[in-house]
């Protein structure tokens, strides 16, 4: 599948995730960018009436979560996700210093 999101959108999301991962803990733990991305994508999906899928693990131990990959998002979806992550960060007192302004403001 051809990726439809823009390079600017991808850069903005990763700048947000970097700011979040360096400034916030989740349940007493520092999480890396990938974990924060998974948490924010899952929360964004639920906010939009969708959810991740759960399957029995291939090795038979527990369950695995299959979530939407950001590489499969189109430009509109990526914009929504970036907006969701930005609002979450602001509401949770994350100082956003690496995020470039939205493309429409350049």
PDB file of N, CA and C in Angstrom:
ATOM      1  N   UNK A   1       0.849  -1.175   0.000  1.00  0.00           N
ATOM      2  CA  UNK A   1       0.000   0.000   0.000  1.00  0.00           C
ATOM      3  C   UNK A   1       0.900   1.245   0.000  1.00  0.00           C
ATOM      4  N   UNK A   2       0.595   2.187  -0.874  1.00  0.00           N
ATOM      5  CA  UNK A   2       1.335   3.428  -0.945  1.00  0.00           C
ATOM      6  C   UNK A   2       0.968   4.323   0.231  1.00  0.00           C
ATOM      7  N   UNK A   3       1.969   4.838   0.890  1.00  0.00           N
ATOM      8  CA  UNK A   3       1.758   5.712   2.037  1.00  0.00           C
ATOM      9  C   UNK A   3       1.209   7.047   1.544  1.00  0.00           C
ATOM     10  N   UNK A   4       0.129   7.520   2.176  1.00  0.00           N
ATOM     11  CA  UNK A   4      -0.512   8.754   1.756  1.00  0.00           C
ATOM     12  C   UNK A   4      -0.203   9.931   2.665  1.00  0.00           C
ATOM     13  N   UNK A   5       0.255   9.689   3.871  1.00  0.00           N
ATOM     14  CA  UNK A   5       0.551  10.793   4.780  1.00  0.00           C
ATOM     15  C   UNK A   5       1.766  11.552   4.258  1.00  0.00           C
ATOM     16  N   UNK A   6       1.906  12.797   4.682  1.00  0.00           N
ATOM     17  CA  UNK A   6       3.029  13.604   4.201  1.00  0.00           C
ATOM     18  C   UNK A   6       4.244  13.461   5.118  1.00  0.00           C
ATOM     19  N   UNK A   7       5.383  13.813   4.600  1.00  0.00           N
ATOM     20  CA  UNK A   7       6.612  13.794   5.388  1.00  0.00           C
ATOM     21  C   UNK A   7       6.499  14.805   6.529  1.00  0.00           C
ATOM     22  N   UNK A   8       5.872  15.958   6.261  1.00  0.00           N
ATOM     23  CA  UNK A   8       5.697  16.971   7.300  1.00  0.00           C
ATOM     24  C   UNK A   8       4.840  16.443   8.443  1.00  0.00           C
ATOM     25  N   UNK A   9       3.764  15.717   8.109  1.00  0.00           N
ATOM     26  CA  UNK A   9       2.905  15.144   9.146  1.00  0.00           C
ATOM     27  C   UNK A   9       3.676  14.132   9.984  1.00  0.00           C
ATOM     28  N   UNK A  10       4.435  13.294   9.324  1.00  0.00           N
ATOM     29  CA  UNK A  10       5.217  12.284  10.032  1.00  0.00           C
ATOM     30  C   UNK A  10       6.235  12.957  10.955  1.00  0.00           C
ATOM     31  N   UNK A  11       6.900  13.990  10.458  1.00  0.00           N
ATOM     32  CA  UNK A  11       7.875  14.719  11.269  1.00  0.00           C
ATOM     33  C   UNK A  11       7.217  15.373  12.473  1.00  0.00           C
ATOM     34  N   UNK A  12       6.059  15.950  12.266  1.00  0.00           N
ATOM     35  CA  UNK A  12       5.345  16.612  13.367  1.00  0.00           C
ATOM     36  C   UNK A  12       4.955  15.602  14.444  1.00  0.00           C
ATOM     37  N   UNK A  13       4.410  14.456  14.013  1.00  0.00           N
ATOM     38  CA  UNK A  13       4.025  13.436  14.989  1.00  0.00           C
ATOM     39  C   UNK A  13       5.234  12.971  15.790  1.00  0.00           C
ATOM     40  N   UNK A  14       6.339  12.709  15.119  1.00  0.00           N
ATOM     41  CA  UNK A  14       7.512  12.207  15.835  1.00  0.00           C
ATOM     42  C   UNK A  14       8.128  13.262  16.745  1.00  0.00           C
ATOM     43  N   UNK A  15       8.038  14.533  16.379  1.00  0.00           N
ATOM     44  CA  UNK A  15       8.498  15.597  17.274  1.00  0.00           C
ATOM     45  C   UNK A  15       7.628  15.635  18.533  1.00  0.00           C
ATOM     46  N   UNK A  16       6.312  15.511  18.352  1.00  0.00           N
ATOM     47  CA  UNK A  16       5.399  15.464  19.501  1.00  0.00           C
ATOM     48  C   UNK A  16       5.721  14.278  20.401  1.00  0.00           C
ATOM     49  N   UNK A  17       5.900  13.123  19.791  1.00  0.00           N
ATOM     50  CA  UNK A  17       6.186  11.911  20.560  1.00  0.00           C
ATOM     51  C   UNK A  17       7.503  12.032  21.323  1.00  0.00           C
ATOM     52  N   UNK A  18       8.483  12.660  20.707  1.00  0.00           N
ATOM     53  CA  UNK A  18       9.771  12.850  21.382  1.00  0.00           C
ATOM     54  C   UNK A  18       9.595  13.748  22.600  1.00  0.00           C
ATOM     55  N   UNK A  19       8.850  14.846  22.434  1.00  0.00           N
ATOM     56  CA  UNK A  19       8.603  15.737  23.571  1.00  0.00           C
ATOM     57  C   UNK A  19       7.877  15.006  24.691  1.00  0.00           C
ATOM     58  N   UNK A  20       6.862  14.230  24.331  1.00  0.00           N
ATOM     59  CA  UNK A  20       6.096  13.485  25.343  1.00  0.00           C
ATOM     60  C   UNK A  20       6.995  12.476  26.051  1.00  0.00           C
ATOM     61  N   UNK A  21       7.765  11.718  25.276  1.00  0.00           N
ATOM     62  CA  UNK A  21       8.572  10.644  25.878  1.00  0.00           C
ATOM     63  C   UNK A  21       9.665  11.169  26.797  1.00  0.00           C
ATOM     64  N   UNK A  22      10.160  12.380  26.543  1.00  0.00           N
ATOM     65  CA  UNK A  22      11.214  12.918  27.407  1.00  0.00           C
ATOM     66  C   UNK A  22      10.667  13.626  28.638  1.00  0.00           C
ATOM     67  N   UNK A  23       9.373  13.975  28.614  1.00  0.00           N
ATOM     68  CA  UNK A  23       8.816  14.763  29.714  1.00  0.00           C
ATOM     69  C   UNK A  23       7.797  14.030  30.590  1.00  0.00           C
ATOM     70  N   UNK A  24       7.225  12.963  30.103  1.00  0.00           N
ATOM     71  CA  UNK A  24       6.140  12.311  30.840  1.00  0.00           C
ATOM     72  C   UNK A  24       6.503  10.885  31.231  1.00  0.00           C
ATOM     73  N   UNK A  25       5.912  10.472  32.344  1.00  0.00           N
ATOM     74  CA  UNK A  25       5.936   9.072  32.743  1.00  0.00           C
ATOM     75  C   UNK A  25       4.506   8.562  32.635  1.00  0.00           C
ATOM     76  N   UNK A  26       4.350   7.283  32.419  1.00  0.00           N
ATOM     77  CA  UNK A  26       3.038   6.665  32.418  1.00  0.00           C
ATOM     78  C   UNK A  26       3.043   5.567  33.454  1.00  0.00           C
ATOM     79  N   UNK A  27       2.219   5.720  34.468  1.00  0.00           N
ATOM     80  CA  UNK A  27       2.152   4.787  35.593  1.00  0.00           C
ATOM     81  C   UNK A  27       3.529   4.541  36.190  1.00  0.00           C
ATOM     82  N   UNK A  28       4.255   5.652  36.370  1.00  0.00           N
ATOM     83  CA  UNK A  28       5.549   5.589  37.022  1.00  0.00           C
ATOM     84  C   UNK A  28       6.702   5.123  36.158  1.00  0.00           C
ATOM     85  N   UNK A  29       6.471   4.963  34.862  1.00  0.00           N
ATOM     86  CA  UNK A  29       7.529   4.483  33.974  1.00  0.00           C
ATOM     87  C   UNK A  29       7.779   5.469  32.847  1.00  0.00           C
ATOM     88  N   UNK A  30       9.049   5.616  32.499  1.00  0.00           N
ATOM     89  CA  UNK A  30       9.392   6.368  31.296  1.00  0.00           C
ATOM     90  C   UNK A  30       9.219   5.428  30.110  1.00  0.00           C
ATOM     91  N   UNK A  31       8.506   5.872  29.102  1.00  0.00           N
ATOM     92  CA  UNK A  31       8.261   5.056  27.916  1.00  0.00           C
ATOM     93  C   UNK A  31       8.985   5.661  26.722  1.00  0.00           C
ATOM     94  N   UNK A  32       9.365   4.821  25.776  1.00  0.00           N
ATOM     95  CA  UNK A  32      10.019   5.338  24.583  1.00  0.00           C
ATOM     96  C   UNK A  32       8.982   5.838  23.574  1.00  0.00           C
ATOM     97  N   UNK A  33       9.466   6.441  22.507  1.00  0.00           N
ATOM     98  CA  UNK A  33       8.607   7.036  21.486  1.00  0.00           C
ATOM     99  C   UNK A  33       7.631   6.004  20.917  1.00  0.00           C
ATOM    100  N   UNK A  34       8.098   4.811  20.657  1.00  0.00           N
ATOM    101  CA  UNK A  34       7.233   3.780  20.062  1.00  0.00           C
ATOM    102  C   UNK A  34       6.078   3.406  20.989  1.00  0.00           C
ATOM    103  N   UNK A  35       6.343   3.279  22.274  1.00  0.00           N
ATOM    104  CA  UNK A  35       5.268   2.979  23.230  1.00  0.00           C
ATOM    105  C   UNK A  35       4.253   4.112  23.280  1.00  0.00           C
ATOM    106  N   UNK A  36       4.738   5.357  23.325  1.00  0.00           N
ATOM    107  CA  UNK A  36       3.815   6.493  23.331  1.00  0.00           C
ATOM    108  C   UNK A  36       2.994   6.540  22.051  1.00  0.00           C
ATOM    109  N   UNK A  37       3.621   6.212  20.931  1.00  0.00           N
ATOM    110  CA  UNK A  37       2.881   6.199  19.668  1.00  0.00           C
ATOM    111  C   UNK A  37       1.764   5.158  19.727  1.00  0.00           C
ATOM    112  N   UNK A  38       2.058   3.984  20.225  1.00  0.00           N
ATOM    113  CA  UNK A  38       1.035   2.940  20.326  1.00  0.00           C
ATOM    114  C   UNK A  38      -0.101   3.356  21.259  1.00  0.00           C
ATOM    115  N   UNK A  39       0.252   3.963  22.400  1.00  0.00           N
ATOM    116  CA  UNK A  39      -0.786   4.415  23.338  1.00  0.00           C
ATOM    117  C   UNK A  39      -1.663   5.504  22.726  1.00  0.00           C
ATOM    118  N   UNK A  40      -1.046   6.464  22.055  1.00  0.00           N
ATOM    119  CA  UNK A  40      -1.816   7.561  21.464  1.00  0.00           C
ATOM    120  C   UNK A  40      -2.649   7.103  20.276  1.00  0.00           C
ATOM    121  N   UNK A  41      -2.119   6.212  19.454  1.00  0.00           N
ATOM    122  CA  UNK A  41      -2.913   5.680  18.331  1.00  0.00           C
ATOM    123  C   UNK A  41      -4.114   4.912  18.869  1.00  0.00           C
ATOM    124  N   UNK A  42      -3.914   4.092  19.888  1.00  0.00           N
ATOM    125  CA  UNK A  42      -5.024   3.327  20.471  1.00  0.00           C
ATOM    126  C   UNK A  42      -6.080   4.256  21.059  1.00  0.00           C
ATOM    127  N   UNK A  43      -5.654   5.298  21.778  1.00  0.00           N
ATOM    128  CA  UNK A  43      -6.605   6.251  22.367  1.00  0.00           C
ATOM    129  C   UNK A  43      -7.347   7.016  21.282  1.00  0.00           C
ATOM    130  N   UNK A  44      -6.639   7.443  20.233  1.00  0.00           N
ATOM    131  CA  UNK A  44      -7.245   8.150  19.100  1.00  0.00           C
ATOM    132  C   UNK A  44      -8.280   7.259  18.403  1.00  0.00           C
ATOM    133  N   UNK A  45      -7.930   5.995  18.226  1.00  0.00           N
ATOM    134  CA  UNK A  45      -8.862   5.053  17.602  1.00  0.00           C
ATOM    135  C   UNK A  45     -10.138   4.922  18.440  1.00  0.00           C
ATOM    136  N   UNK A  46      -9.989   4.768  19.751  1.00  0.00           N
ATOM    137  CA  UNK A  46     -11.171   4.663  20.610  1.00  0.00           C
ATOM    138  C   UNK A  46     -12.001   5.940  20.564  1.00  0.00           C
ATOM    139  N   UNK A  47     -11.349   7.087  20.528  1.00  0.00           N
ATOM    140  CA  UNK A  47     -12.063   8.369  20.457  1.00  0.00           C
ATOM    141  C   UNK A  47     -12.879   8.476  19.166  1.00  0.00           C
ATOM    142  N   UNK A  48     -12.479   7.722  18.153  1.00  0.00           N
ATOM    143  CA  UNK A  48     -13.178   7.729  16.867  1.00  0.00           C
ATOM    144  C   UNK A  48     -14.053   6.497  16.653  1.00  0.00           C
ATOM    145  N   UNK A  49     -14.350   5.785  17.739  1.00  0.00           N
ATOM    146  CA  UNK A  49     -15.259   4.650  17.660  1.00  0.00           C
ATOM    147  C   UNK A  49     -14.652   3.380  17.103  1.00  0.00           C
ATOM    148  N   UNK A  50     -13.333   3.334  17.011  1.00  0.00           N
ATOM    149  CA  UNK A  50     -12.653   2.124  16.538  1.00  0.00           C
ATOM    150  C   UNK A  50     -11.826   1.578  17.695  1.00  0.00           C
ATOM    151  N   UNK A  51     -11.348   0.383  17.537  1.00  0.00           N
ATOM    152  CA  UNK A  51     -10.482  -0.156  18.590  1.00  0.00           C
ATOM    153  C   UNK A  51      -9.460  -1.098  17.985  1.00  0.00           C
ATOM    154  N   UNK A  52      -8.426  -1.347  18.753  1.00  0.00           N
ATOM    155  CA  UNK A  52      -7.422  -2.320  18.353  1.00  0.00           C
ATOM    156  C   UNK A  52      -8.056  -3.706  18.403  1.00  0.00           C
ATOM    157  N   UNK A  53      -7.428  -4.631  17.727  1.00  0.00           N
ATOM    158  CA  UNK A  53      -7.931  -6.014  17.725  1.00  0.00           C
ATOM    159  C   UNK A  53      -7.043  -6.862  18.630  1.00  0.00           C
ATOM    160  N   UNK A  54      -7.655  -7.824  19.293  1.00  0.00           N
ATOM    161  CA  UNK A  54      -6.945  -8.722  20.196  1.00  0.00           C
ATOM    162  C   UNK A  54      -7.030 -10.138  19.640  1.00  0.00           C
ATOM    163  N   UNK A  55      -5.894 -10.837  19.637  1.00  0.00           N
ATOM    164  CA  UNK A  55      -5.838 -12.211  19.130  1.00  0.00           C
ATOM    165  C   UNK A  55      -5.034 -13.064  20.098  1.00  0.00           C
ATOM    166  N   UNK A  56      -5.347 -14.351  20.174  1.00  0.00           N
ATOM    167  CA  UNK A  56      -4.492 -15.238  20.953  1.00  0.00           C
ATOM    168  C   UNK A  56      -3.073 -15.207  20.372  1.00  0.00           C
ATOM    169  N   UNK A  57      -2.077 -15.183  21.234  1.00  0.00           N
ATOM    170  CA  UNK A  57      -0.685 -15.126  20.791  1.00  0.00           C
ATOM    171  C   UNK A  57      -0.325 -16.362  19.988  1.00  0.00           C
ATOM    172  N   UNK A  58       0.535 -16.172  19.012  1.00  0.00           N
ATOM    173  CA  UNK A  58       0.949 -17.287  18.156  1.00  0.00           C
ATOM    174  C   UNK A  58       1.644 -18.390  18.937  1.00  0.00           C
ATOM    175  N   UNK A  59       2.336 -18.025  20.013  1.00  0.00           N
ATOM    176  CA  UNK A  59       3.013 -19.047  20.812  1.00  0.00           C
ATOM    177  C   UNK A  59       2.116 -19.626  21.902  1.00  0.00           C
ATOM    178  N   UNK A  60       0.841 -19.197  21.910  1.00  0.00           N
ATOM    179  CA  UNK A  60      -0.121 -19.728  22.862  1.00  0.00           C
ATOM    180  C   UNK A  60      -0.049 -19.115  24.254  1.00  0.00           C
ATOM    181  N   UNK A  61       0.799 -18.112  24.442  1.00  0.00           N
ATOM    182  CA  UNK A  61       0.956 -17.491  25.743  1.00  0.00           C
ATOM    183  C   UNK A  61       0.324 -16.106  25.720  1.00  0.00           C
ATOM    184  N   UNK A  62      -0.882 -15.997  26.261  1.00  0.00           N
ATOM    185  CA  UNK A  62      -1.543 -14.701  26.369  1.00  0.00           C
ATOM    186  C   UNK A  62      -2.206 -14.229  25.090  1.00  0.00           C
ATOM    187  N   UNK A  63      -2.397 -12.913  25.045  1.00  0.00           N
ATOM    188  CA  UNK A  63      -3.058 -12.265  23.910  1.00  0.00           C
ATOM    189  C   UNK A  63      -2.120 -11.211  23.333  1.00  0.00           C
ATOM    190  N   UNK A  64      -2.278 -10.927  22.056  1.00  0.00           N
ATOM    191  CA  UNK A  64      -1.526  -9.859  21.413  1.00  0.00           C
ATOM    192  C   UNK A  64      -2.498  -8.827  20.868  1.00  0.00           C
ATOM    193  N   UNK A  65      -2.044  -7.578  20.853  1.00  0.00           N
ATOM    194  CA  UNK A  65      -2.846  -6.473  20.364  1.00  0.00           C
ATOM    195  C   UNK A  65      -2.337  -6.084  18.985  1.00  0.00           C
ATOM    196  N   UNK A  66      -3.262  -5.971  18.045  1.00  0.00           N
ATOM    197  CA  UNK A  66      -2.932  -5.527  16.696  1.00  0.00           C
ATOM    198  C   UNK A  66      -3.627  -4.193  16.501  1.00  0.00           C
ATOM    199  N   UNK A  67      -2.850  -3.145  16.295  1.00  0.00           N
ATOM    200  CA  UNK A  67      -3.380  -1.791  16.203  1.00  0.00           C
ATOM    201  C   UNK A  67      -3.104  -1.229  14.812  1.00  0.00           C
ATOM    202  N   UNK A  68      -3.720  -0.122  14.509  1.00  0.00           N
ATOM    203  CA  UNK A  68      -3.505   0.548  13.235  1.00  0.00           C
ATOM    204  C   UNK A  68      -2.095   1.106  13.181  1.00  0.00           C
ATOM    205  N   UNK A  69      -1.418   0.864  12.092  1.00  0.00           N
ATOM    206  CA  UNK A  69      -0.068   1.395  11.900  1.00  0.00           C
ATOM    207  C   UNK A  69      -0.168   2.787  11.293  1.00  0.00           C
ATOM    208  N   UNK A  70       0.622   3.712  11.802  1.00  0.00           N
ATOM    209  CA  UNK A  70       0.553   5.076  11.283  1.00  0.00           C
ATOM    210  C   UNK A  70       0.981   5.142   9.820  1.00  0.00           C
ATOM    211  N   UNK A  71       1.785   4.204   9.369  1.00  0.00           N
ATOM    212  CA  UNK A  71       2.211   4.200   7.959  1.00  0.00           C
ATOM    213  C   UNK A  71       1.046   3.925   7.012  1.00  0.00           C
ATOM    214  N   UNK A  72      -0.060   3.449   7.537  1.00  0.00           N
ATOM    215  CA  UNK A  72      -1.237   3.171   6.708  1.00  0.00           C
ATOM    216  C   UNK A  72      -2.285   4.275   6.758  1.00  0.00           C
ATOM    217  N   UNK A  73      -2.001   5.347   7.503  1.00  0.00           N
ATOM    218  CA  UNK A  73      -2.963   6.435   7.616  1.00  0.00           C
ATOM    219  C   UNK A  73      -2.879   7.353   6.394  1.00  0.00           C
ATOM    220  N   UNK A  74      -4.033   7.861   5.983  1.00  0.00           N
ATOM    221  CA  UNK A  74      -4.024   8.859   4.912  1.00  0.00           C
ATOM    222  C   UNK A  74      -3.792  10.236   5.527  1.00  0.00           C
ATOM    223  N   UNK A  75      -3.708  11.256   4.699  1.00  0.00           N
ATOM    224  CA  UNK A  75      -3.392  12.601   5.194  1.00  0.00           C
ATOM    225  C   UNK A  75      -4.426  13.103   6.196  1.00  0.00           C
ATOM    226  N   UNK A  76      -5.707  12.864   5.939  1.00  0.00           N
ATOM    227  CA  UNK A  76      -6.752  13.309   6.857  1.00  0.00           C
ATOM    228  C   UNK A  76      -6.654  12.621   8.202  1.00  0.00           C
ATOM    229  N   UNK A  77      -6.452  11.310   8.190  1.00  0.00           N
ATOM    230  CA  UNK A  77      -6.319  10.561   9.439  1.00  0.00           C
ATOM    231  C   UNK A  77      -5.076  10.992  10.210  1.00  0.00           C
ATOM    232  N   UNK A  78      -3.981  11.200   9.494  1.00  0.00           N
ATOM    233  CA  UNK A  78      -2.751  11.616  10.152  1.00  0.00           C
ATOM    234  C   UNK A  78      -2.928  12.995  10.779  1.00  0.00           C
ATOM    235  N   UNK A  79      -3.630  13.894  10.099  1.00  0.00           N
ATOM    236  CA  UNK A  79      -3.916  15.215  10.669  1.00  0.00           C
ATOM    237  C   UNK A  79      -4.703  15.085  11.960  1.00  0.00           C
ATOM    238  N   UNK A  80      -5.713  14.213  11.952  1.00  0.00           N
ATOM    239  CA  UNK A  80      -6.523  13.993  13.150  1.00  0.00           C
ATOM    240  C   UNK A  80      -5.666  13.439  14.290  1.00  0.00           C
ATOM    241  N   UNK A  81      -4.796  12.487  13.978  1.00  0.00           N
ATOM    242  CA  UNK A  81      -3.937  11.889  15.005  1.00  0.00           C
ATOM    243  C   UNK A  81      -2.975  12.936  15.578  1.00  0.00           C
ATOM    244  N   UNK A  82      -2.365  13.742  14.726  1.00  0.00           N
ATOM    245  CA  UNK A  82      -1.448  14.789  15.199  1.00  0.00           C
ATOM    246  C   UNK A  82      -2.200  15.775  16.085  1.00  0.00           C
ATOM    247  N   UNK A  83      -3.405  16.155  15.682  1.00  0.00           N
ATOM    248  CA  UNK A  83      -4.206  17.066  16.501  1.00  0.00           C
ATOM    249  C   UNK A  83      -4.538  16.431  17.843  1.00  0.00           C
ATOM    250  N   UNK A  84      -4.941  15.166  17.829  1.00  0.00           N
ATOM    251  CA  UNK A  84      -5.262  14.445  19.062  1.00  0.00           C
ATOM    252  C   UNK A  84      -4.044  14.415  19.984  1.00  0.00           C
ATOM    253  N   UNK A  85      -2.875  14.066  19.441  1.00  0.00           N
ATOM    254  CA  UNK A  85      -1.656  13.978  20.246  1.00  0.00           C
ATOM    255  C   UNK A  85      -1.250  15.346  20.790  1.00  0.00           C
ATOM    256  N   UNK A  86      -1.441  16.390  19.984  1.00  0.00           N
ATOM    257  CA  UNK A  86      -1.110  17.743  20.421  1.00  0.00           C
ATOM    258  C   UNK A  86      -1.993  18.159  21.591  1.00  0.00           C
ATOM    259  N   UNK A  87      -3.287  17.922  21.460  1.00  0.00           N
ATOM    260  CA  UNK A  87      -4.222  18.266  22.537  1.00  0.00           C
ATOM    261  C   UNK A  87      -3.877  17.477  23.798  1.00  0.00           C
ATOM    262  N   UNK A  88      -3.602  16.192  23.652  1.00  0.00           N
ATOM    263  CA  UNK A  88      -3.242  15.367  24.815  1.00  0.00           C
ATOM    264  C   UNK A  88      -2.003  15.938  25.490  1.00  0.00           C
ATOM    265  N   UNK A  89      -0.999  16.272  24.689  1.00  0.00           N
ATOM    266  CA  UNK A  89       0.247  16.800  25.247  1.00  0.00           C
ATOM    267  C   UNK A  89       0.006  18.100  26.006  1.00  0.00           C
ATOM    268  N   UNK A  90      -0.745  19.012  25.421  1.00  0.00           N
ATOM    269  CA  UNK A  90      -1.028  20.295  26.065  1.00  0.00           C
ATOM    270  C   UNK A  90      -1.806  20.082  27.362  1.00  0.00           C
ATOM    271  N   UNK A  91      -2.826  19.223  27.316  1.00  0.00           N
ATOM    272  CA  UNK A  91      -3.630  18.954  28.507  1.00  0.00           C
ATOM    273  C   UNK A  91      -2.819  18.278  29.615  1.00  0.00           C
ATOM    274  N   UNK A  92      -1.704  17.659  29.233  1.00  0.00           N
ATOM    275  CA  UNK A  92      -0.866  16.952  30.201  1.00  0.00           C
ATOM    276  C   UNK A  92       0.454  17.673  30.455  1.00  0.00           C
ATOM    277  N   UNK A  93       0.437  18.987  30.200  1.00  0.00           N
ATOM    278  CA  UNK A  93       1.561  19.866  30.536  1.00  0.00           C
ATOM    279  C   UNK A  93       2.888  19.494  29.895  1.00  0.00           C
ATOM    280  N   UNK A  94       2.832  19.032  28.650  1.00  0.00           N
ATOM    281  CA  UNK A  94       4.060  18.764  27.906  1.00  0.00           C
ATOM    282  C   UNK A  94       4.447  20.041  27.175  1.00  0.00           C
ATOM    283  N   UNK A  95       5.679  20.463  27.353  1.00  0.00           N
ATOM    284  CA  UNK A  95       6.184  21.631  26.643  1.00  0.00           C
ATOM    285  C   UNK A  95       6.584  21.190  25.236  1.00  0.00           C
ATOM    286  N   UNK A  96       5.918  21.735  24.247  1.00  0.00           N
ATOM    287  CA  UNK A  96       6.163  21.339  22.854  1.00  0.00           C
ATOM    288  C   UNK A  96       7.146  22.316  22.223  1.00  0.00           C
ATOM    289  N   UNK A  97       8.423  21.937  22.202  1.00  0.00           N
ATOM    290  CA  UNK A  97       9.394  22.845  21.627  1.00  0.00           C
ATOM    291  C   UNK A  97       9.999  22.369  20.325  1.00  0.00           C
ATOM    292  N   UNK A  98       9.818  21.138  19.956  1.00  0.00           N
ATOM    293  CA  UNK A  98      10.401  20.651  18.707  1.00  0.00           C
ATOM    294  C   UNK A  98       9.388  20.534  17.581  1.00  0.00           C
ATOM    295  N   UNK A  99       8.121  20.671  17.894  1.00  0.00           N
ATOM    296  CA  UNK A  99       7.089  20.479  16.874  1.00  0.00           C
ATOM    297  C   UNK A  99       7.008  21.685  15.966  1.00  0.00           C
ATOM    298  N   UNK A 100       7.144  21.478  14.645  1.00  0.00           N
ATOM    299  CA  UNK A 100       6.993  22.588  13.717  1.00  0.00           C
ATOM    300  C   UNK A 100       5.538  22.990  13.629  1.00  0.00           C
ATOM    301  N   UNK A 101       5.233  24.211  13.172  1.00  0.00           N
ATOM    302  CA  UNK A 101       3.833  24.602  13.036  1.00  0.00           C
ATOM    303  C   UNK A 101       3.145  23.758  11.969  1.00  0.00           C
ATOM    304  N   UNK A 102       1.813  23.603  12.047  1.00  0.00           N
ATOM    305  CA  UNK A 102       1.104  22.851  11.021  1.00  0.00           C
ATOM    306  C   UNK A 102       1.412  23.437   9.640  1.00  0.00           C
ATOM    307  N   UNK A 103       1.369  22.590   8.618  1.00  0.00           N
ATOM    308  CA  UNK A 103       1.695  22.981   7.263  1.00  0.00           C
ATOM    309  C   UNK A 103       0.894  24.205   6.835  1.00  0.00           C
ATOM    310  N   UNK A 104      -0.373  24.313   7.230  1.00  0.00           N
ATOM    311  CA  UNK A 104      -1.228  25.418   6.842  1.00  0.00           C
ATOM    312  C   UNK A 104      -0.758  26.739   7.411  1.00  0.00           C
ATOM    313  N   UNK A 105       0.102  26.736   8.445  1.00  0.00           N
ATOM    314  CA  UNK A 105       0.580  27.968   9.077  1.00  0.00           C
ATOM    315  C   UNK A 105       1.930  28.406   8.533  1.00  0.00           C
ATOM    316  N   UNK A 106       2.521  27.661   7.641  1.00  0.00           N
ATOM    317  CA  UNK A 106       3.840  28.014   7.096  1.00  0.00           C
ATOM    318  C   UNK A 106       3.711  28.984   5.956  1.00  0.00           C
TER     319      UNK A 106
END
